[in-house]
Amino acid sequence: MTLAIAKAAVVSDQASGQRALNLKMTPDSAKAFGDFTRANVRKVVDLSVDGAVVASPRLVEPILGGEVMLSGTFAPGELQRLAERISAGGAKVTVEVTAEQPL
């Protein structure tokens, strides 16, 4: 499924202290993503930007707020480049189920 992103920004992740990419979806996309995550709890999903996988989390619960934060090991400047590309409207952000794993 393709996500419509209203805002992309690099922020400080309070939990890890690392830099993170915060993606806020449009209201319609947030609802569709909430339904998608509700239907796919316990599954691994790939979040991709322009076809390149940037995260592959296992969904442990539905994500209903229309917002996701991506943190982890990224090359210097990569998060900022992703945020700028997504904010400019030129990037395609997608999510798809890749595997099902038991809890």
PDB file of N, CA and C in Angstrom:
ATOM      1  N   MET A   1       0.837  -1.173   0.000  1.00  0.00           N
ATOM      2  CA  MET A   1       0.000   0.000   0.000  1.00  0.00           C
ATOM      3  C   MET A   1       0.881   1.234   0.000  1.00  0.00           C
ATOM      4  N   THR A   2       0.440   2.262  -0.686  1.00  0.00           N
ATOM      5  CA  THR A   2       1.179   3.521  -0.749  1.00  0.00           C
ATOM      6  C   THR A   2       0.657   4.462   0.324  1.00  0.00           C
ATOM      7  N   LEU A   3       1.563   5.097   1.041  1.00  0.00           N
ATOM      8  CA  LEU A   3       1.199   6.028   2.104  1.00  0.00           C
ATOM      9  C   LEU A   3       1.334   7.461   1.618  1.00  0.00           C
ATOM     10  N   ALA A   4       0.347   8.281   1.924  1.00  0.00           N
ATOM     11  CA  ALA A   4       0.424   9.714   1.632  1.00  0.00           C
ATOM     12  C   ALA A   4       0.972  10.398   2.885  1.00  0.00           C
ATOM     13  N   ILE A   5       2.138  10.999   2.752  1.00  0.00           N
ATOM     14  CA  ILE A   5       2.806  11.609   3.899  1.00  0.00           C
ATOM     15  C   ILE A   5       2.554  13.114   3.900  1.00  0.00           C
ATOM     16  N   ALA A   6       2.005  13.621   4.999  1.00  0.00           N
ATOM     17  CA  ALA A   6       1.735  15.050   5.132  1.00  0.00           C
ATOM     18  C   ALA A   6       2.987  15.810   5.549  1.00  0.00           C
ATOM     19  N   LYS A   7       3.830  15.157   6.378  1.00  0.00           N
ATOM     20  CA  LYS A   7       5.033  15.827   6.872  1.00  0.00           C
ATOM     21  C   LYS A   7       6.092  14.784   7.204  1.00  0.00           C
ATOM     22  N   ALA A   8       7.325  15.071   6.813  1.00  0.00           N
ATOM     23  CA  ALA A   8       8.470  14.218   7.147  1.00  0.00           C
ATOM     24  C   ALA A   8       9.531  15.114   7.773  1.00  0.00           C
ATOM     25  N   ALA A   9      10.046  14.697   8.935  1.00  0.00           N
ATOM     26  CA  ALA A   9      11.043  15.518   9.628  1.00  0.00           C
ATOM     27  C   ALA A   9      11.992  14.636  10.420  1.00  0.00           C
ATOM     28  N   VAL A  10      13.216  15.109  10.578  1.00  0.00           N
ATOM     29  CA  VAL A  10      14.188  14.434  11.427  1.00  0.00           C
ATOM     30  C   VAL A  10      14.035  14.998  12.828  1.00  0.00           C
ATOM     31  N   VAL A  11      13.866  14.101  13.794  1.00  0.00           N
ATOM     32  CA  VAL A  11      13.646  14.482  15.189  1.00  0.00           C
ATOM     33  C   VAL A  11      14.557  13.652  16.088  1.00  0.00           C
ATOM     34  N   SER A  12      14.578  13.988  17.352  1.00  0.00           N
ATOM     35  CA  SER A  12      15.312  13.200  18.339  1.00  0.00           C
ATOM     36  C   SER A  12      14.350  12.188  18.953  1.00  0.00           C
ATOM     37  N   ASP A  13      14.691  10.904  18.877  1.00  0.00           N
ATOM     38  CA  ASP A  13      13.865   9.843  19.456  1.00  0.00           C
ATOM     39  C   ASP A  13      14.100   9.840  20.964  1.00  0.00           C
ATOM     40  N   GLN A  14      13.075  10.186  21.726  1.00  0.00           N
ATOM     41  CA  GLN A  14      13.197  10.278  23.183  1.00  0.00           C
ATOM     42  C   GLN A  14      13.591   8.947  23.815  1.00  0.00           C
ATOM     43  N   ALA A  15      13.110   7.844  23.255  1.00  0.00           N
ATOM     44  CA  ALA A  15      13.378   6.526  23.839  1.00  0.00           C
ATOM     45  C   ALA A  15      14.839   6.103  23.679  1.00  0.00           C
ATOM     46  N   SER A  16      15.414   6.374  22.500  1.00  0.00           N
ATOM     47  CA  SER A  16      16.768   5.883  22.236  1.00  0.00           C
ATOM     48  C   SER A  16      17.830   6.970  22.261  1.00  0.00           C
ATOM     49  N   GLY A  17      17.412   8.232  22.178  1.00  0.00           N
ATOM     50  CA  GLY A  17      18.367   9.323  22.114  1.00  0.00           C
ATOM     51  C   GLY A  17      18.973   9.497  20.733  1.00  0.00           C
ATOM     52  N   GLN A  18      18.558   8.662  19.764  1.00  0.00           N
ATOM     53  CA  GLN A  18      19.077   8.734  18.401  1.00  0.00           C
ATOM     54  C   GLN A  18      18.231   9.687  17.563  1.00  0.00           C
ATOM     55  N   ARG A  19      18.772  10.064  16.423  1.00  0.00           N
ATOM     56  CA  ARG A  19      17.998  10.808  15.443  1.00  0.00           C
ATOM     57  C   ARG A  19      17.028   9.828  14.792  1.00  0.00           C
ATOM     58  N   ALA A  20      15.853  10.309  14.436  1.00  0.00           N
ATOM     59  CA  ALA A  20      14.832   9.453  13.847  1.00  0.00           C
ATOM     60  C   ALA A  20      14.084  10.222  12.771  1.00  0.00           C
ATOM     61  N   LEU A  21      13.504   9.491  11.832  1.00  0.00           N
ATOM     62  CA  LEU A  21      12.672  10.076  10.798  1.00  0.00           C
ATOM     63  C   LEU A  21      11.227   9.924  11.237  1.00  0.00           C
ATOM     64  N   ASN A  22      10.552  11.056  11.412  1.00  0.00           N
ATOM     65  CA  ASN A  22       9.151  11.066  11.823  1.00  0.00           C
ATOM     66  C   ASN A  22       8.296  11.301  10.585  1.00  0.00           C
ATOM     67  N   LEU A  23       7.365  10.382  10.330  1.00  0.00           N
ATOM     68  CA  LEU A  23       6.458  10.491   9.194  1.00  0.00           C
ATOM     69  C   LEU A  23       5.032  10.650   9.703  1.00  0.00           C
ATOM     70  N   LYS A  24       4.392  11.757   9.320  1.00  0.00           N
ATOM     71  CA  LYS A  24       2.984  11.993   9.665  1.00  0.00           C
ATOM     72  C   LYS A  24       2.170  11.840   8.389  1.00  0.00           C
ATOM     73  N   MET A  25       1.194  10.951   8.447  1.00  0.00           N
ATOM     74  CA  MET A  25       0.368  10.662   7.277  1.00  0.00           C
ATOM     75  C   MET A  25      -0.820  11.611   7.181  1.00  0.00           C
ATOM     76  N   THR A  26      -1.368  11.702   5.972  1.00  0.00           N
ATOM     77  CA  THR A  26      -2.614  12.440   5.785  1.00  0.00           C
ATOM     78  C   THR A  26      -3.719  11.672   6.520  1.00  0.00           C
ATOM     79  N   PRO A  27      -4.835  12.329   6.843  1.00  0.00           N
ATOM     80  CA  PRO A  27      -5.911  11.615   7.563  1.00  0.00           C
ATOM     81  C   PRO A  27      -6.394  10.343   6.864  1.00  0.00           C
ATOM     82  N   ASP A  28      -6.602  10.383   5.544  1.00  0.00           N
ATOM     83  CA  ASP A  28      -7.065   9.186   4.830  1.00  0.00           C
ATOM     84  C   ASP A  28      -6.024   8.070   4.876  1.00  0.00           C
ATOM     85  N   SER A  29      -4.768   8.439   4.695  1.00  0.00           N
ATOM     86  CA  SER A  29      -3.690   7.447   4.723  1.00  0.00           C
ATOM     87  C   SER A  29      -3.527   6.887   6.134  1.00  0.00           C
ATOM     88  N   ALA A  30      -3.679   7.736   7.152  1.00  0.00           N
ATOM     89  CA  ALA A  30      -3.572   7.284   8.544  1.00  0.00           C
ATOM     90  C   ALA A  30      -4.630   6.226   8.849  1.00  0.00           C
ATOM     91  N   LYS A  31      -5.857   6.446   8.371  1.00  0.00           N
ATOM     92  CA  LYS A  31      -6.919   5.471   8.613  1.00  0.00           C
ATOM     93  C   LYS A  31      -6.618   4.155   7.887  1.00  0.00           C
ATOM     94  N   ALA A  32      -6.206   4.247   6.631  1.00  0.00           N
ATOM     95  CA  ALA A  32      -5.890   3.034   5.858  1.00  0.00           C
ATOM     96  C   ALA A  32      -4.717   2.292   6.490  1.00  0.00           C
ATOM     97  N   PHE A  33      -3.693   3.024   6.954  1.00  0.00           N
ATOM     98  CA  PHE A  33      -2.541   2.403   7.598  1.00  0.00           C
ATOM     99  C   PHE A  33      -2.947   1.753   8.920  1.00  0.00           C
ATOM    100  N   GLY A  34      -3.825   2.399   9.679  1.00  0.00           N
ATOM    101  CA  GLY A  34      -4.333   1.807  10.916  1.00  0.00           C
ATOM    102  C   GLY A  34      -5.047   0.493  10.646  1.00  0.00           C
ATOM    103  N   ASP A  35      -5.895   0.475   9.615  1.00  0.00           N
ATOM    104  CA  ASP A  35      -6.591  -0.761   9.236  1.00  0.00           C
ATOM    105  C   ASP A  35      -5.588  -1.836   8.799  1.00  0.00           C
ATOM    106  N   PHE A  36      -4.580  -1.427   8.014  1.00  0.00           N
ATOM    107  CA  PHE A  36      -3.540  -2.346   7.543  1.00  0.00           C
ATOM    108  C   PHE A  36      -2.777  -2.951   8.715  1.00  0.00           C
ATOM    109  N   THR A  37      -2.356  -2.115   9.672  1.00  0.00           N
ATOM    110  CA  THR A  37      -1.580  -2.641  10.804  1.00  0.00           C
ATOM    111  C   THR A  37      -2.455  -3.489  11.723  1.00  0.00           C
ATOM    112  N   ARG A  38      -3.716  -3.134  11.868  1.00  0.00           N
ATOM    113  CA  ARG A  38      -4.636  -3.930  12.695  1.00  0.00           C
ATOM    114  C   ARG A  38      -4.787  -5.335  12.112  1.00  0.00           C
ATOM    115  N   ALA A  39      -4.817  -5.433  10.793  1.00  0.00           N
ATOM    116  CA  ALA A  39      -4.999  -6.726  10.119  1.00  0.00           C
ATOM    117  C   ALA A  39      -3.707  -7.537  10.041  1.00  0.00           C
ATOM    118  N   ASN A  40      -2.564  -6.907  10.352  1.00  0.00           N
ATOM    119  CA  ASN A  40      -1.289  -7.589  10.146  1.00  0.00           C
ATOM    120  C   ASN A  40      -0.411  -7.667  11.396  1.00  0.00           C
ATOM    121  N   VAL A  41      -1.017  -7.594  12.575  1.00  0.00           N
ATOM    122  CA  VAL A  41      -0.268  -7.768  13.821  1.00  0.00           C
ATOM    123  C   VAL A  41       0.431  -9.123  13.781  1.00  0.00           C
ATOM    124  N   ARG A  42       1.647  -9.165  14.281  1.00  0.00           N
ATOM    125  CA  ARG A  42       2.534 -10.344  14.316  1.00  0.00           C
ATOM    126  C   ARG A  42       3.275 -10.574  12.999  1.00  0.00           C
ATOM    127  N   LYS A  43       3.062  -9.727  12.030  1.00  0.00           N
ATOM    128  CA  LYS A  43       3.732  -9.900  10.744  1.00  0.00           C
ATOM    129  C   LYS A  43       4.860  -8.878  10.596  1.00  0.00           C
ATOM    130  N   VAL A  44       5.831  -9.228   9.786  1.00  0.00           N
ATOM    131  CA  VAL A  44       6.920  -8.322   9.451  1.00  0.00           C
ATOM    132  C   VAL A  44       6.507  -7.544   8.208  1.00  0.00           C
ATOM    133  N   VAL A  45       6.723  -6.238   8.239  1.00  0.00           N
ATOM    134  CA  VAL A  45       6.395  -5.398   7.098  1.00  0.00           C
ATOM    135  C   VAL A  45       7.640  -4.638   6.645  1.00  0.00           C
ATOM    136  N   ASP A  46       7.714  -4.385   5.366  1.00  0.00           N
ATOM    137  CA  ASP A  46       8.772  -3.546   4.817  1.00  0.00           C
ATOM    138  C   ASP A  46       8.203  -2.159   4.559  1.00  0.00           C
ATOM    139  N   LEU A  47       8.879  -1.149   5.075  1.00  0.00           N
ATOM    140  CA  LEU A  47       8.558   0.234   4.766  1.00  0.00           C
ATOM    141  C   LEU A  47       9.619   0.700   3.778  1.00  0.00           C
ATOM    142  N   SER A  48       9.181   1.107   2.600  1.00  0.00           N
ATOM    143  CA  SER A  48      10.114   1.473   1.530  1.00  0.00           C
ATOM    144  C   SER A  48       9.901   2.911   1.082  1.00  0.00           C
ATOM    145  N   VAL A  49      11.005   3.521   0.660  1.00  0.00           N
ATOM    146  CA  VAL A  49      10.961   4.844   0.042  1.00  0.00           C
ATOM    147  C   VAL A  49      11.572   4.685  -1.346  1.00  0.00           C
ATOM    148  N   ASP A  50      10.780   4.977  -2.357  1.00  0.00           N
ATOM    149  CA  ASP A  50      11.208   4.811  -3.749  1.00  0.00           C
ATOM    150  C   ASP A  50      11.756   3.416  -4.023  1.00  0.00           C
ATOM    151  N   GLY A  51      11.118   2.396  -3.448  1.00  0.00           N
ATOM    152  CA  GLY A  51      11.490   1.012  -3.696  1.00  0.00           C
ATOM    153  C   GLY A  51      12.622   0.477  -2.845  1.00  0.00           C
ATOM    154  N   ALA A  52      13.282   1.334  -2.063  1.00  0.00           N
ATOM    155  CA  ALA A  52      14.378   0.889  -1.192  1.00  0.00           C
ATOM    156  C   ALA A  52      13.843   0.706   0.226  1.00  0.00           C
ATOM    157  N   VAL A  53      13.986  -0.497   0.767  1.00  0.00           N
ATOM    158  CA  VAL A  53      13.498  -0.779   2.122  1.00  0.00           C
ATOM    159  C   VAL A  53      14.330   0.003   3.136  1.00  0.00           C
ATOM    160  N   VAL A  54      13.637   0.791   3.987  1.00  0.00           N
ATOM    161  CA  VAL A  54      14.330   1.567   5.016  1.00  0.00           C
ATOM    162  C   VAL A  54      14.081   1.005   6.416  1.00  0.00           C
ATOM    163  N   ALA A  55      13.067   0.157   6.567  1.00  0.00           N
ATOM    164  CA  ALA A  55      12.795  -0.479   7.857  1.00  0.00           C
ATOM    165  C   ALA A  55      11.937  -1.717   7.625  1.00  0.00           C
ATOM    166  N   SER A  56      12.167  -2.738   8.470  1.00  0.00           N
ATOM    167  CA  SER A  56      11.390  -3.989   8.395  1.00  0.00           C
ATOM    168  C   SER A  56      10.977  -4.425   9.799  1.00  0.00           C
ATOM    169  N   PRO A  57      10.069  -3.674  10.422  1.00  0.00           N
ATOM    170  CA  PRO A  57       9.655  -4.025  11.779  1.00  0.00           C
ATOM    171  C   PRO A  57       8.609  -5.142  11.806  1.00  0.00           C
ATOM    172  N   ARG A  58       8.514  -5.796  12.959  1.00  0.00           N
ATOM    173  CA  ARG A  58       7.417  -6.743  13.219  1.00  0.00           C
ATOM    174  C   ARG A  58       6.356  -5.962  13.953  1.00  0.00           C
ATOM    175  N   LEU A  59       5.132  -5.995  13.461  1.00  0.00           N
ATOM    176  CA  LEU A  59       4.033  -5.271  14.107  1.00  0.00           C
ATOM    177  C   LEU A  59       3.600  -6.017  15.360  1.00  0.00           C
ATOM    178  N   VAL A  60       3.728  -5.380  16.494  1.00  0.00           N
ATOM    179  CA  VAL A  60       3.298  -6.007  17.745  1.00  0.00           C
ATOM    180  C   VAL A  60       1.936  -5.501  18.185  1.00  0.00           C
ATOM    181  N   GLU A  61       1.508  -4.378  17.597  1.00  0.00           N
ATOM    182  CA  GLU A  61       0.186  -3.840  17.874  1.00  0.00           C
ATOM    183  C   GLU A  61      -0.186  -2.898  16.731  1.00  0.00           C
ATOM    184  N   PRO A  62      -1.466  -2.610  16.573  1.00  0.00           N
ATOM    185  CA  PRO A  62      -1.864  -1.681  15.508  1.00  0.00           C
ATOM    186  C   PRO A  62      -1.256  -0.296  15.729  1.00  0.00           C
ATOM    187  N   ILE A  63      -0.957   0.386  14.640  1.00  0.00           N
ATOM    188  CA  ILE A  63      -0.452   1.761  14.692  1.00  0.00           C
ATOM    189  C   ILE A  63      -1.595   2.642  14.214  1.00  0.00           C
ATOM    190  N   LEU A  64      -2.250   3.308  15.159  1.00  0.00           N
ATOM    191  CA  LEU A  64      -3.496   3.993  14.851  1.00  0.00           C
ATOM    192  C   LEU A  64      -3.386   5.511  14.810  1.00  0.00           C
ATOM    193  N   GLY A  65      -2.250   6.071  15.182  1.00  0.00           N
ATOM    194  CA  GLY A  65      -2.138   7.522  15.270  1.00  0.00           C
ATOM    195  C   GLY A  65      -1.743   8.227  13.991  1.00  0.00           C
ATOM    196  N   GLY A  66      -1.469   7.481  12.924  1.00  0.00           N
ATOM    197  CA  GLY A  66      -1.096   8.111  11.671  1.00  0.00           C
ATOM    198  C   GLY A  66       0.308   8.669  11.648  1.00  0.00           C
ATOM    199  N   GLU A  67       1.140   8.146  12.546  1.00  0.00           N
ATOM    200  CA  GLU A  67       2.506   8.645  12.652  1.00  0.00           C
ATOM    201  C   GLU A  67       3.446   7.480  12.957  1.00  0.00           C
ATOM    202  N   VAL A  68       4.599   7.463  12.278  1.00  0.00           N
ATOM    203  CA  VAL A  68       5.621   6.452  12.552  1.00  0.00           C
ATOM    204  C   VAL A  68       6.969   7.138  12.698  1.00  0.00           C
ATOM    205  N   MET A  69       7.829   6.535  13.519  1.00  0.00           N
ATOM    206  CA  MET A  69       9.190   7.028  13.697  1.00  0.00           C
ATOM    207  C   MET A  69      10.144   5.913  13.331  1.00  0.00           C
ATOM    208  N   LEU A  70      11.101   6.224  12.463  1.00  0.00           N
ATOM    209  CA  LEU A  70      12.109   5.262  12.044  1.00  0.00           C
ATOM    210  C   LEU A  70      13.438   5.677  12.640  1.00  0.00           C
ATOM    211  N   SER A  71      14.014   4.774  13.426  1.00  0.00           N
ATOM    212  CA  SER A  71      15.342   5.048  13.967  1.00  0.00           C
ATOM    213  C   SER A  71      16.184   3.797  13.770  1.00  0.00           C
ATOM    214  N   GLY A  72      17.456   3.925  14.014  1.00  0.00           N
ATOM    215  CA  GLY A  72      18.353   2.801  13.814  1.00  0.00           C
ATOM    216  C   GLY A  72      19.650   3.271  13.203  1.00  0.00           C
ATOM    217  N   THR A  73      20.311   2.382  12.497  1.00  0.00           N
ATOM    218  CA  THR A  73      21.600   2.701  11.904  1.00  0.00           C
ATOM    219  C   THR A  73      21.398   3.220  10.489  1.00  0.00           C
ATOM    220  N   PHE A  74      21.623   4.500  10.311  1.00  0.00           N
ATOM    221  CA  PHE A  74      21.524   5.139   9.006  1.00  0.00           C
ATOM    222  C   PHE A  74      22.841   5.850   8.724  1.00  0.00           C
ATOM    223  N   ALA A  75      23.198   5.943   7.465  1.00  0.00           N
ATOM    224  CA  ALA A  75      24.416   6.670   7.075  1.00  0.00           C
ATOM    225  C   ALA A  75      24.258   8.142   7.443  1.00  0.00           C
ATOM    226  N   PRO A  76      25.376   8.835   7.716  1.00  0.00           N
ATOM    227  CA  PRO A  76      25.300  10.261   8.033  1.00  0.00           C
ATOM    228  C   PRO A  76      24.543  11.025   6.942  1.00  0.00           C
ATOM    229  N   GLY A  77      23.571  11.809   7.358  1.00  0.00           N
ATOM    230  CA  GLY A  77      22.792  12.607   6.426  1.00  0.00           C
ATOM    231  C   GLY A  77      21.652  11.881   5.737  1.00  0.00           C
ATOM    232  N   GLU A  78      21.579  10.558   5.876  1.00  0.00           N
ATOM    233  CA  GLU A  78      20.549   9.787   5.166  1.00  0.00           C
ATOM    234  C   GLU A  78      19.137  10.146   5.619  1.00  0.00           C
ATOM    235  N   LEU A  79      18.926  10.298   6.926  1.00  0.00           N
ATOM    236  CA  LEU A  79      17.593  10.643   7.414  1.00  0.00           C
ATOM    237  C   LEU A  79      17.152  11.997   6.871  1.00  0.00           C
ATOM    238  N   GLN A  80      18.065  12.961   6.856  1.00  0.00           N
ATOM    239  CA  GLN A  80      17.729  14.291   6.348  1.00  0.00           C
ATOM    240  C   GLN A  80      17.397  14.235   4.856  1.00  0.00           C
ATOM    241  N   ARG A  81      18.159  13.469   4.090  1.00  0.00           N
ATOM    242  CA  ARG A  81      17.875  13.334   2.659  1.00  0.00           C
ATOM    243  C   ARG A  81      16.496  12.688   2.433  1.00  0.00           C
ATOM    244  N   LEU A  82      16.185  11.655   3.222  1.00  0.00           N
ATOM    245  CA  LEU A  82      14.873  11.017   3.101  1.00  0.00           C
ATOM    246  C   LEU A  82      13.759  12.003   3.441  1.00  0.00           C
ATOM    247  N   ALA A  83      13.928  12.741   4.532  1.00  0.00           N
ATOM    248  CA  ALA A  83      12.906  13.715   4.950  1.00  0.00           C
ATOM    249  C   ALA A  83      12.681  14.759   3.868  1.00  0.00           C
ATOM    250  N   GLU A  84      13.760  15.267   3.295  1.00  0.00           N
ATOM    251  CA  GLU A  84      13.639  16.291   2.256  1.00  0.00           C
ATOM    252  C   GLU A  84      12.960  15.736   1.002  1.00  0.00           C
ATOM    253  N   ARG A  85      13.337  14.531   0.599  1.00  0.00           N
ATOM    254  CA  ARG A  85      12.761  13.922  -0.597  1.00  0.00           C
ATOM    255  C   ARG A  85      11.265  13.651  -0.399  1.00  0.00           C
ATOM    256  N   ILE A  86      10.903  13.127   0.770  1.00  0.00           N
ATOM    257  CA  ILE A  86       9.492  12.834   1.046  1.00  0.00           C
ATOM    258  C   ILE A  86       8.699  14.135   1.153  1.00  0.00           C
ATOM    259  N   SER A  87       9.251  15.139   1.832  1.00  0.00           N
ATOM    260  CA  SER A  87       8.556  16.419   1.997  1.00  0.00           C
ATOM    261  C   SER A  87       8.330  17.120   0.664  1.00  0.00           C
ATOM    262  N   ALA A  88       9.248  16.946  -0.265  1.00  0.00           N
ATOM    263  CA  ALA A  88       9.126  17.578  -1.577  1.00  0.00           C
ATOM    264  C   ALA A  88       8.035  16.923  -2.427  1.00  0.00           C
ATOM    265  N   GLY A  89       7.537  15.777  -1.981  1.00  0.00           N
ATOM    266  CA  GLY A  89       6.462  15.095  -2.688  1.00  0.00           C
ATOM    267  C   GLY A  89       6.930  14.208  -3.825  1.00  0.00           C
ATOM    268  N   GLY A  90       8.238  14.057  -3.964  1.00  0.00           N
ATOM    269  CA  GLY A  90       8.752  13.269  -5.066  1.00  0.00           C
ATOM    270  C   GLY A  90       9.000  11.810  -4.736  1.00  0.00           C
ATOM    271  N   ALA A  91       8.832  11.430  -3.482  1.00  0.00           N
ATOM    272  CA  ALA A  91       9.145  10.061  -3.079  1.00  0.00           C
ATOM    273  C   ALA A  91       7.876   9.235  -2.900  1.00  0.00           C
ATOM    274  N   LYS A  92       7.968   7.968  -3.263  1.00  0.00           N
ATOM    275  CA  LYS A  92       6.859   7.037  -3.059  1.00  0.00           C
ATOM    276  C   LYS A  92       7.156   6.233  -1.795  1.00  0.00           C
ATOM    277  N   VAL A  93       6.279   6.337  -0.810  1.00  0.00           N
ATOM    278  CA  VAL A  93       6.434   5.626   0.459  1.00  0.00           C
ATOM    279  C   VAL A  93       5.411   4.495   0.478  1.00  0.00           C
ATOM    280  N   THR A  94       5.902   3.265   0.613  1.00  0.00           N
ATOM    281  CA  THR A  94       5.012   2.103   0.591  1.00  0.00           C
ATOM    282  C   THR A  94       5.280   1.200   1.781  1.00  0.00           C
ATOM    283  N   VAL A  95       4.289   0.369   2.085  1.00  0.00           N
ATOM    284  CA  VAL A  95       4.435  -0.635   3.133  1.00  0.00           C
ATOM    285  C   VAL A  95       3.789  -1.918   2.630  1.00  0.00           C
ATOM    286  N   GLU A  96       4.458  -3.041   2.899  1.00  0.00           N
ATOM    287  CA  GLU A  96       3.900  -4.335   2.489  1.00  0.00           C
ATOM    288  C   GLU A  96       4.327  -5.407   3.488  1.00  0.00           C
ATOM    289  N   VAL A  97       3.486  -6.419   3.614  1.00  0.00           N
ATOM    290  CA  VAL A  97       3.770  -7.555   4.494  1.00  0.00           C
ATOM    291  C   VAL A  97       4.826  -8.433   3.832  1.00  0.00           C
ATOM    292  N   THR A  98       5.850  -8.817   4.631  1.00  0.00           N
ATOM    293  CA  THR A  98       6.890  -9.685   4.080  1.00  0.00           C
ATOM    294  C   THR A  98       6.897 -11.059   4.734  1.00  0.00           C
ATOM    295  N   ALA A  99       6.474 -11.158   5.991  1.00  0.00           N
ATOM    296  CA  ALA A  99       6.519 -12.450   6.681  1.00  0.00           C
ATOM    297  C   ALA A  99       5.627 -12.414   7.909  1.00  0.00           C
ATOM    298  N   GLU A 100       5.194 -13.586   8.328  1.00  0.00           N
ATOM    299  CA  GLU A 100       4.424 -13.696   9.567  1.00  0.00           C
ATOM    300  C   GLU A 100       5.278 -14.417  10.574  1.00  0.00           C
ATOM    301  N   GLN A 101       5.370 -13.836  11.768  1.00  0.00           N
ATOM    302  CA  GLN A 101       6.170 -14.454  12.844  1.00  0.00           C
ATOM    303  C   GLN A 101       5.308 -14.554  14.107  1.00  0.00           C
ATOM    304  N   PRO A 102       5.411 -15.637  14.816  1.00  0.00           N
ATOM    305  CA  PRO A 102       4.672 -15.749  16.085  1.00  0.00           C
ATOM    306  C   PRO A 102       5.285 -14.821  17.122  1.00  0.00           C
ATOM    307  N   LEU A 103       4.461 -14.389  18.041  1.00  0.00           N
ATOM    308  CA  LEU A 103       4.943 -13.541  19.139  1.00  0.00           C
ATOM    309  C   LEU A 103       5.784 -14.319  20.115  1.00  0.00           C
TER     310      LEU A 103
END
